[in-house]
Protein backbone atom coordinates (compact mmCIF):
# COMPACT_ATOMS: atom_id res chain seq x y z
CA MET A 1 34.61 27.57 21.54
CA PRO A 2 31.85 24.92 22.20
CA ILE A 3 32.92 21.40 22.90
CA PHE A 4 30.97 18.48 21.32
CA VAL A 5 30.86 14.90 22.51
CA TYR A 6 30.78 12.49 19.52
CA GLN A 7 30.43 8.89 18.69
CA ALA A 8 31.58 7.72 15.28
CA LYS A 9 32.30 4.61 13.29
CA LYS A 10 36.04 4.02 12.61
CA GLY A 11 35.43 0.84 10.63
CA PRO A 12 32.72 -1.69 9.85
CA GLN A 13 32.59 -2.87 13.48
CA GLU A 14 34.70 -0.38 15.50
CA VAL A 15 32.92 2.61 17.21
CA VAL A 16 34.91 5.37 18.84
CA ASP A 17 33.97 8.10 21.36
CA GLY A 18 35.58 11.49 21.91
CA THR A 19 35.26 15.22 22.18
CA ILE A 20 35.98 17.94 19.60
CA GLU A 21 35.95 21.73 19.55
CA ALA A 22 34.07 23.45 16.79
CA GLU A 23 32.05 26.65 16.17
CA ASN A 24 28.80 24.72 15.46
CA LYS A 25 27.48 21.24 14.79
CA GLU A 26 28.17 21.39 11.05
CA ALA A 27 31.78 22.33 11.66
CA ALA A 28 32.14 19.49 14.23
CA VAL A 29 30.72 16.98 11.63
CA ALA A 30 33.20 18.24 9.09
CA LYS A 31 36.11 17.78 11.46
CA ILE A 32 35.04 14.26 12.44
CA GLU A 33 34.82 13.32 8.72
CA GLN A 34 38.33 14.81 8.11
CA MET A 35 39.54 12.39 10.76
CA GLY A 36 38.21 9.51 8.68
CA TYR A 37 35.32 8.72 10.95
CA ILE A 38 31.64 8.45 10.14
CA PRO A 39 29.70 10.35 12.87
CA ILE A 40 26.68 8.60 14.30
CA ARG A 41 26.02 10.77 17.37
CA LEU A 42 26.93 14.35 18.23
CA ASN A 43 25.89 16.37 21.26
CA LEU A 44 27.03 19.58 22.83
CA LYS A 45 28.95 18.76 26.01
CA GLY A 46 26.74 19.02 29.06
CA SER A 47 23.46 18.76 27.09
CA PRO A 48 21.18 15.73 27.70
CA ALA A 49 21.32 13.12 25.00
CA ALA A 50 18.34 12.76 22.79
CA GLY A 51 15.64 10.93 24.67
CA GLY A 52 14.28 7.60 23.58
CA ALA A 53 10.94 6.05 23.97
CA PRO A 54 9.78 4.82 27.40
CA PRO A 55 10.10 1.17 28.05
CA ALA A 56 7.40 -1.09 26.63
CA ALA A 57 6.29 -2.12 30.08
CA ALA A 58 5.45 1.50 30.86
CA ARG A 59 3.33 1.92 27.80
CA GLY A 60 1.33 -1.25 28.39
CA LEU A 61 0.69 -4.29 26.24
CA GLY A 62 -1.35 -2.27 23.75
CA VAL A 63 1.80 -1.19 21.91
CA TYR A 64 2.23 -4.68 20.54
CA PHE A 65 -1.15 -4.63 18.83
CA GLU A 66 -0.58 -1.38 17.01
CA ARG A 67 0.44 -1.32 13.39
CA VAL A 68 2.77 1.01 11.48
CA SER A 69 0.69 2.64 8.71
CA ALA A 70 2.05 3.66 5.24
CA ARG A 71 1.60 7.31 6.36
CA ASP A 72 3.82 6.73 9.40
CA LEU A 73 6.52 5.31 7.20
CA ASP A 74 6.11 8.15 4.60
CA VAL A 75 6.51 10.82 7.29
CA PHE A 76 9.48 9.02 8.81
CA THR A 77 11.24 8.78 5.37
CA ASP A 78 10.56 12.39 4.44
CA GLN A 79 11.80 13.73 7.82
CA LEU A 80 14.85 11.48 7.80
CA ALA A 81 15.80 12.62 4.29
CA THR A 82 15.54 16.30 5.45
CA LEU A 83 17.59 15.72 8.59
CA VAL A 84 20.32 13.80 6.78
CA LYS A 85 20.44 16.42 3.99
CA SER A 86 20.92 19.07 6.77
CA LYS A 87 24.09 17.29 7.87
CA VAL A 88 22.51 16.00 11.14
CA PRO A 89 24.38 12.80 12.22
CA LEU A 90 22.37 9.75 11.38
CA PHE A 91 22.25 8.61 15.08
CA ASP A 92 20.95 12.00 16.12
CA ALA A 93 18.42 12.07 13.28
CA ILE A 94 17.01 8.69 14.31
CA ASN A 95 16.74 9.86 17.91
CA ILE A 96 14.99 13.03 16.88
CA LEU A 97 12.40 11.05 14.91
CA SER A 98 11.93 8.65 17.73
CA SER A 99 11.03 11.52 20.07
CA GLN A 100 8.61 13.00 17.47
CA THR A 101 6.82 9.80 16.44
CA GLU A 102 3.30 9.52 17.86
CA ASN A 103 2.73 5.83 17.01
CA PRO A 104 4.00 3.84 20.08
CA LYS A 105 4.77 0.78 18.06
CA PHE A 106 6.80 2.74 15.54
CA LYS A 107 8.48 4.70 18.24
CA GLN A 108 9.71 1.45 19.80
CA ILE A 109 11.02 0.25 16.42
CA ILE A 110 12.88 3.46 15.74
CA THR A 111 14.37 3.32 19.26
CA THR A 112 15.56 -0.28 18.53
CA ILE A 113 17.10 0.93 15.29
CA SER A 114 18.88 3.68 17.27
CA GLY A 115 20.40 1.11 19.62
CA GLN A 116 21.47 -1.07 16.61
CA LEU A 117 23.21 1.95 15.04
CA LYS A 118 24.98 2.59 18.26
CA ASP A 119 26.21 -1.06 18.21
CA GLY A 120 27.81 -0.46 14.84
CA MET A 121 25.21 -1.64 12.44
CA THR A 122 24.53 0.29 9.20
CA LEU A 123 21.03 1.76 8.70
CA SER A 124 20.13 -0.78 6.07
CA GLU A 125 21.19 -3.64 8.39
CA ALA A 126 19.09 -2.13 11.20
CA LEU A 127 16.11 -1.68 8.88
CA SER A 128 16.41 -5.34 7.66
CA LYS A 129 15.65 -6.46 11.24
CA HIS A 130 12.14 -5.14 10.80
CA PRO A 131 10.87 -6.65 7.48
CA ARG A 132 7.19 -6.10 8.33
CA VAL A 133 7.74 -2.35 8.51
CA PHE A 134 10.41 -1.70 5.94
CA PRO A 135 9.87 -3.54 2.61
CA PRO A 136 12.76 -5.03 0.60
CA LEU A 137 12.68 -2.17 -1.82
CA TYR A 138 13.11 0.33 0.91
CA ILE A 139 16.07 -1.59 2.58
CA ASN A 140 17.83 -2.14 -0.78
CA MET A 141 17.50 1.50 -1.67
CA VAL A 142 19.06 2.53 1.65
CA ARG A 143 21.82 -0.01 1.25
CA SER A 144 22.70 1.31 -2.21
CA GLY A 145 22.69 4.83 -0.90
CA GLU A 146 25.11 3.92 1.93
CA SER A 147 27.50 2.12 -0.47
CA GLY A 148 27.49 5.09 -2.87
CA GLY A 149 27.84 7.65 -0.10
CA VAL A 150 24.61 9.41 -1.26
CA LEU A 151 22.21 8.40 1.51
CA ASP A 152 20.61 11.91 1.62
CA GLY A 153 19.74 11.87 -2.07
CA THR A 154 18.57 8.24 -1.88
CA LEU A 155 16.19 8.99 1.05
CA ALA A 156 14.86 12.10 -0.90
CA ARG A 157 14.10 9.95 -3.95
CA LEU A 158 12.55 7.23 -1.80
CA ALA A 159 10.33 9.78 0.04
CA LYS A 160 9.19 11.24 -3.35
CA PHE A 161 8.54 7.75 -4.73
CA ARG A 162 6.39 6.81 -1.74
CA GLN A 163 4.49 10.07 -1.94
CA GLU A 164 3.67 9.56 -5.60
CA GLN A 165 2.57 5.96 -4.83
CA GLU A 166 0.29 7.17 -2.13
CA GLU A 167 -1.16 9.88 -4.36
CA VAL A 168 -2.14 7.27 -6.96
CA LYS A 169 -3.78 5.06 -4.28
CA ALA A 170 -5.53 8.08 -2.74
CA ASN A 171 -6.97 9.05 -6.12
CA ILE A 172 -8.39 5.60 -6.67
CA SER A 173 -9.80 5.41 -3.13
CA THR A 174 -11.40 8.83 -3.44
CA ALA A 175 -12.98 7.94 -6.74
CA LEU A 176 -14.50 4.69 -5.31
CA ALA A 177 -15.67 6.28 -2.00
CA TYR A 178 -18.98 7.64 -3.44
CA PRO A 179 -20.02 4.37 -5.27
CA ILE A 180 -19.24 2.38 -2.15
CA PHE A 181 -21.25 4.76 -0.02
CA ILE A 182 -24.22 4.53 -2.38
CA THR A 183 -24.05 0.71 -2.31
CA LEU A 184 -24.03 0.59 1.46
CA VAL A 185 -26.88 2.97 1.79
CA GLY A 186 -28.91 0.97 -0.74
CA VAL A 187 -28.15 -2.37 0.99
CA VAL A 188 -29.14 -0.97 4.39
CA SER A 189 -32.33 0.48 2.98
CA VAL A 190 -33.27 -2.85 1.39
CA ILE A 191 -32.64 -4.75 4.62
CA ILE A 192 -34.77 -2.32 6.65
CA LEU A 193 -37.65 -2.63 4.12
CA LEU A 194 -37.43 -6.48 4.21
CA THR A 195 -37.15 -6.80 7.99
CA PHE A 196 -39.50 -3.99 9.16
CA GLY A 197 -41.64 -2.80 6.28
CA VAL A 198 -42.80 -6.10 4.67
CA PRO A 199 -43.86 -7.91 7.98
CA ARG A 200 -46.30 -5.13 8.80
CA LEU A 201 -48.00 -5.47 5.45
CA VAL A 202 -48.10 -9.27 5.60
CA SER A 203 -50.52 -9.12 8.52
CA MET A 204 -52.82 -6.82 6.53
CA PHE A 205 -52.69 -9.15 3.52
CA SER A 206 -53.43 -12.27 5.62
CA GLU A 207 -56.62 -10.59 7.04
CA SER A 208 -57.85 -10.02 3.46
CA LYS A 209 -57.65 -13.79 2.79
CA GLN A 210 -56.98 -12.92 -0.85
CA ALA A 211 -54.55 -14.77 -3.10
CA LEU A 212 -51.34 -12.76 -3.34
CA PRO A 213 -49.54 -12.03 -6.57
CA LEU A 214 -46.28 -13.89 -7.35
CA PRO A 215 -43.93 -10.90 -6.71
CA THR A 216 -45.58 -10.44 -3.33
CA ARG A 217 -45.23 -14.11 -2.35
CA MET A 218 -41.54 -14.03 -3.43
CA LEU A 219 -40.93 -10.85 -1.31
CA ILE A 220 -42.67 -12.42 1.76
CA SER A 221 -40.45 -15.54 1.39
CA ILE A 222 -37.29 -13.50 1.19
CA SER A 223 -38.33 -11.36 4.10
CA SER A 224 -39.26 -14.45 6.22
CA GLY A 225 -36.01 -16.14 5.38
CA ILE A 226 -33.95 -13.13 6.46
CA ARG A 227 -35.78 -12.71 9.72
CA ASN A 228 -35.94 -16.31 10.71
CA TYR A 229 -32.64 -17.71 9.42
CA TRP A 230 -30.28 -14.78 9.59
CA TYR A 231 -27.92 -16.77 11.93
CA LEU A 232 -27.47 -19.43 9.26
CA GLY A 233 -26.37 -16.72 6.83
CA ILE A 234 -23.81 -15.44 9.34
CA ALA A 235 -22.63 -19.00 10.06
CA PHE A 236 -22.21 -19.71 6.32
CA ILE A 237 -20.22 -16.53 5.85
CA GLY A 238 -17.98 -17.36 8.83
CA LEU A 239 -17.33 -20.87 7.49
CA ALA A 240 -16.61 -19.54 4.02
CA VAL A 241 -14.12 -16.98 5.36
CA PHE A 242 -12.39 -19.66 7.49
CA ALA A 243 -12.12 -22.03 4.51
CA LEU A 244 -10.75 -19.29 2.27
CA GLN A 245 -8.08 -18.52 4.85
CA GLN A 246 -6.54 -21.99 4.63
CA LYS A 247 -3.12 -21.91 2.97
CA GLN A 248 -3.86 -24.15 -0.06
CA VAL A 249 -7.15 -22.44 -0.65
CA VAL A 250 -5.62 -19.00 -0.34
CA GLU A 251 -2.97 -19.85 -2.95
CA LYS A 252 -5.56 -21.20 -5.37
CA LYS A 253 -7.98 -18.36 -4.69
CA LYS A 254 -5.22 -15.79 -5.36
CA VAL A 255 -4.29 -17.31 -8.69
CA VAL A 256 -7.99 -17.35 -9.75
CA LEU A 257 -8.51 -13.73 -8.59
CA ASP A 258 -5.30 -12.54 -10.20
CA LYS A 259 -6.45 -14.00 -13.52
CA LEU A 260 -9.93 -12.62 -13.09
CA ALA A 261 -8.48 -9.16 -12.32
CA LEU A 262 -6.78 -9.08 -15.72
CA LYS A 263 -9.76 -10.59 -17.72
CA ILE A 264 -12.70 -8.46 -16.69
CA PRO A 265 -13.47 -5.85 -19.42
CA LEU A 266 -12.23 -2.35 -18.55
CA ILE A 267 -11.29 -3.38 -14.99
CA GLY A 268 -8.68 -5.78 -16.33
CA ASN A 269 -7.09 -3.08 -18.53
CA PHE A 270 -7.10 -0.70 -15.53
CA ASN A 271 -5.39 -3.26 -13.26
CA LYS A 272 -2.78 -4.07 -15.92
CA LYS A 273 -1.84 -0.44 -16.50
CA ALA A 274 -1.76 0.23 -12.80
CA MET A 275 0.73 -2.65 -12.32
CA LEU A 276 2.81 -1.52 -15.20
CA ALA A 277 2.95 2.01 -13.74
CA GLU A 278 4.08 0.69 -10.40
CA PHE A 279 6.60 -1.68 -11.90
CA THR A 280 8.22 0.86 -14.16
CA ARG A 281 8.48 3.59 -11.52
CA THR A 282 9.96 1.14 -8.99
CA PHE A 283 12.42 -0.23 -11.55
CA ALA A 284 13.45 3.29 -12.58
CA LEU A 285 14.06 4.35 -8.99
CA LEU A 286 16.33 1.45 -8.33
CA LEU A 287 18.30 2.10 -11.54
CA ALA A 288 18.56 5.83 -10.73
CA ASN A 289 20.13 4.74 -7.45
CA GLY A 290 22.87 2.83 -9.15
CA VAL A 291 21.49 -0.67 -8.70
CA PRO A 292 22.29 -2.97 -11.64
CA VAL A 293 19.46 -4.06 -13.95
CA LEU A 294 19.49 -7.71 -12.85
CA GLU A 295 19.43 -6.83 -9.18
CA SER A 296 16.78 -4.11 -9.72
CA LEU A 297 14.52 -6.62 -11.37
CA GLN A 298 15.15 -9.14 -8.59
CA ILE A 299 14.13 -6.54 -5.98
CA THR A 300 11.16 -5.34 -7.99
CA VAL A 301 9.58 -8.79 -8.56
CA PRO A 302 8.55 -9.40 -4.94
CA THR A 303 6.79 -5.98 -4.77
CA ILE A 304 4.25 -7.14 -7.45
CA ASN A 305 0.98 -8.34 -5.96
CA ASN A 306 -0.35 -10.17 -8.97
CA ASP A 307 1.01 -13.69 -9.40
CA ILE A 308 0.43 -13.71 -13.17
CA PHE A 309 2.55 -10.55 -13.68
CA LYS A 310 5.11 -11.83 -11.17
CA ALA A 311 5.59 -15.11 -13.05
CA GLU A 312 6.19 -13.20 -16.32
CA LEU A 313 8.76 -10.98 -14.63
CA GLU A 314 10.47 -14.06 -13.18
CA LYS A 315 10.82 -15.44 -16.68
CA VAL A 316 12.34 -12.19 -17.88
CA HIS A 317 14.80 -12.32 -14.89
CA SER A 318 15.81 -15.84 -15.88
CA ASP A 319 16.43 -14.73 -19.52
CA ILE A 320 18.59 -11.79 -18.46
CA VAL A 321 20.76 -14.12 -16.29
CA VAL A 322 21.75 -16.01 -19.44
CA GLY A 323 22.48 -12.89 -21.36
CA THR A 324 19.25 -11.83 -23.07
CA SER A 325 18.46 -8.10 -23.04
CA LEU A 326 15.51 -6.84 -21.14
CA SER A 327 13.54 -5.77 -24.19
CA GLN A 328 14.25 -9.08 -26.08
CA SER A 329 13.13 -11.06 -23.10
CA MET A 330 9.91 -9.07 -22.77
CA LYS A 331 9.14 -9.68 -26.48
CA LYS A 332 8.83 -13.41 -25.74
CA SER A 333 5.77 -12.70 -23.54
CA SER A 334 2.36 -11.61 -24.86
CA TRP A 335 1.71 -10.01 -21.48
CA PHE A 336 3.89 -6.90 -21.98
CA PRO A 337 2.48 -4.27 -24.37
CA PRO A 338 4.55 -3.28 -27.50
CA PHE A 339 4.76 0.31 -26.25
CA LEU A 340 6.66 -0.76 -23.10
CA ILE A 341 8.97 -3.10 -25.01
CA ASN A 342 9.85 -0.48 -27.70
CA MET A 343 10.48 2.19 -25.11
CA ILE A 344 12.78 -0.09 -23.10
CA ALA A 345 14.66 -1.04 -26.33
CA VAL A 346 15.15 2.71 -27.01
CA GLY A 347 16.36 3.20 -23.42
CA GLU A 348 18.90 0.29 -23.70
CA ARG A 349 20.28 1.56 -26.97
CA GLY A 350 20.56 5.12 -25.70
CA GLY A 351 21.94 4.16 -22.32
CA ASN A 352 19.24 6.11 -20.51
CA LEU A 353 16.90 3.30 -19.43
CA GLN A 354 16.02 4.84 -16.12
CA GLU A 355 14.80 8.12 -17.80
CA VAL A 356 12.73 6.19 -20.32
CA LEU A 357 11.22 4.00 -17.64
CA LEU A 358 10.13 7.19 -15.67
CA GLU A 359 8.48 8.50 -18.84
CA VAL A 360 6.65 5.19 -19.28
CA ALA A 361 5.60 5.29 -15.61
CA VAL A 362 4.15 8.80 -16.06
CA PHE A 363 2.33 7.65 -19.23
CA TYR A 364 0.71 4.72 -17.54
CA GLU A 365 -0.20 6.79 -14.45
CA ARG A 366 -2.04 9.15 -16.78
CA GLU A 367 -3.84 6.23 -18.37
CA VAL A 368 -4.79 4.86 -14.95
CA LYS A 369 -6.29 8.27 -14.01
CA LYS A 370 -8.32 8.40 -17.22
CA LEU A 371 -9.61 4.83 -16.81
CA ASN A 372 -10.38 5.56 -13.14
CA LYS A 373 -12.62 8.45 -14.24
CA ILE A 374 -14.33 6.41 -16.86
CA MET A 375 -15.03 3.51 -14.53
CA THR A 376 -16.37 5.68 -11.75
CA SER A 377 -18.54 7.62 -14.19
CA LEU A 378 -20.04 4.32 -15.32
CA LEU A 379 -20.09 2.71 -11.96
CA GLU A 380 -22.22 5.29 -10.20
CA PRO A 381 -25.27 5.16 -12.62
CA ALA A 382 -24.98 1.36 -12.76
CA ILE A 383 -25.23 1.08 -8.97
CA ILE A 384 -28.08 3.62 -8.81
CA LEU A 385 -29.88 1.59 -11.56
CA VAL A 386 -29.48 -1.74 -9.79
CA MET A 387 -30.56 -0.35 -6.40
CA GLY A 388 -33.44 1.37 -8.09
CA LEU A 389 -34.58 -1.86 -9.68
CA VAL A 390 -34.34 -3.75 -6.32
CA VAL A 391 -36.22 -1.05 -4.50
CA GLY A 392 -38.73 -0.77 -7.26
CA PHE A 393 -39.40 -4.55 -7.13
CA ILE A 394 -40.00 -4.33 -3.35
CA VAL A 395 -42.36 -1.36 -3.75
CA MET A 396 -44.21 -3.00 -6.62
CA ALA A 397 -44.61 -6.28 -4.67
CA MET A 398 -46.00 -4.40 -1.67
CA LEU A 399 -48.42 -2.24 -3.63
CA LEU A 400 -49.81 -4.93 -6.04
CA PRO A 401 -52.06 -6.58 -3.36
CA ILE A 402 -53.30 -3.21 -2.26
CA PHE A 403 -54.36 -2.37 -5.78
CA GLU A 404 -56.09 -5.72 -6.15
CA ILE A 405 -57.95 -5.24 -2.88
CA ASN A 406 -59.12 -1.76 -3.96
CA MET A 407 -60.25 -3.12 -7.31
CA ALA A 408 -62.14 -5.98 -5.57
CA VAL A 409 -63.88 -3.56 -3.25
CA GLY A 410 -64.72 -1.19 -6.04
């Protein structure tokens, strides 16, 4: 019978090593758990341990400048959920993912997590050492899964949640790709006309010594300004960007932009429903994982990007602390729509708040898709119209003197 070498946690801090005979890996894990241990590493005796990432020095300094993308984290979560569900020991699962990860920076982080698990840390503790990669929601979900003994189910829900989030973002990005492309092409076309086309006609107009129409003089002035003072424009943009990056300015700018994002017709409604969809789905996910309402709200608030919405949720959190129900607290604010408040009240009375919140999230996600289609269908012709007017003005300003010259000659 095969002999397995294992490493397991006997308590919060104590780690034990040993060997065990079993028919296969799954049977070995079952035997270790019957002994009261939590397996963190399991290998067939004589086989090499799962390899880690090469040292940072061997990979060069470039690794420190690489970032961990949302896709890298999504793939990691999905694969970890699959491995844990398949009864692969957590330590082995992390090592497997370390060897499979292509991003050198992320590989280094996963290898570090592997070492921290070996030293007796829980997965949530190890993840919390890397807050720039693993957000608070992620860490708290894993922690609740560990405490409830349902880490596999928690990781599966977390993977599904992140996938749905990315799908919403991808739909919005895809819808905006074409209008952005049209805008860029139009701007480049206008710049080429002003910097190359107009100067060639200016020399022809100057030879005629004829008074030029107002649109033509305006066009020549704009073209001359772009060609002669372009560096001032770049310097101004650079100074503006630098000023906007200052901490106090950033905070004021964010508040102004957050208010503006909710006030613009159609776009404000879109932003509000998108935030409500993200909030309700995140909140529901935490409740489904057994996290209490107050703690779930406390974890959800930092994930909100809009300061106006965040301030409203913080008021709700303060009300719940003193004993007010979630729906009653939301009624005090004009920000939350009646539909959301009524649905939450129904969920509170029926004891199925998480299911109700998921239904609300699905409703708002459908609304976001509808508004997204409406905005893009309006945005495309609006951009084409604006660019057409700009190009039309340039063409008209260039052709007017030619018509006048022909009429004078005739």
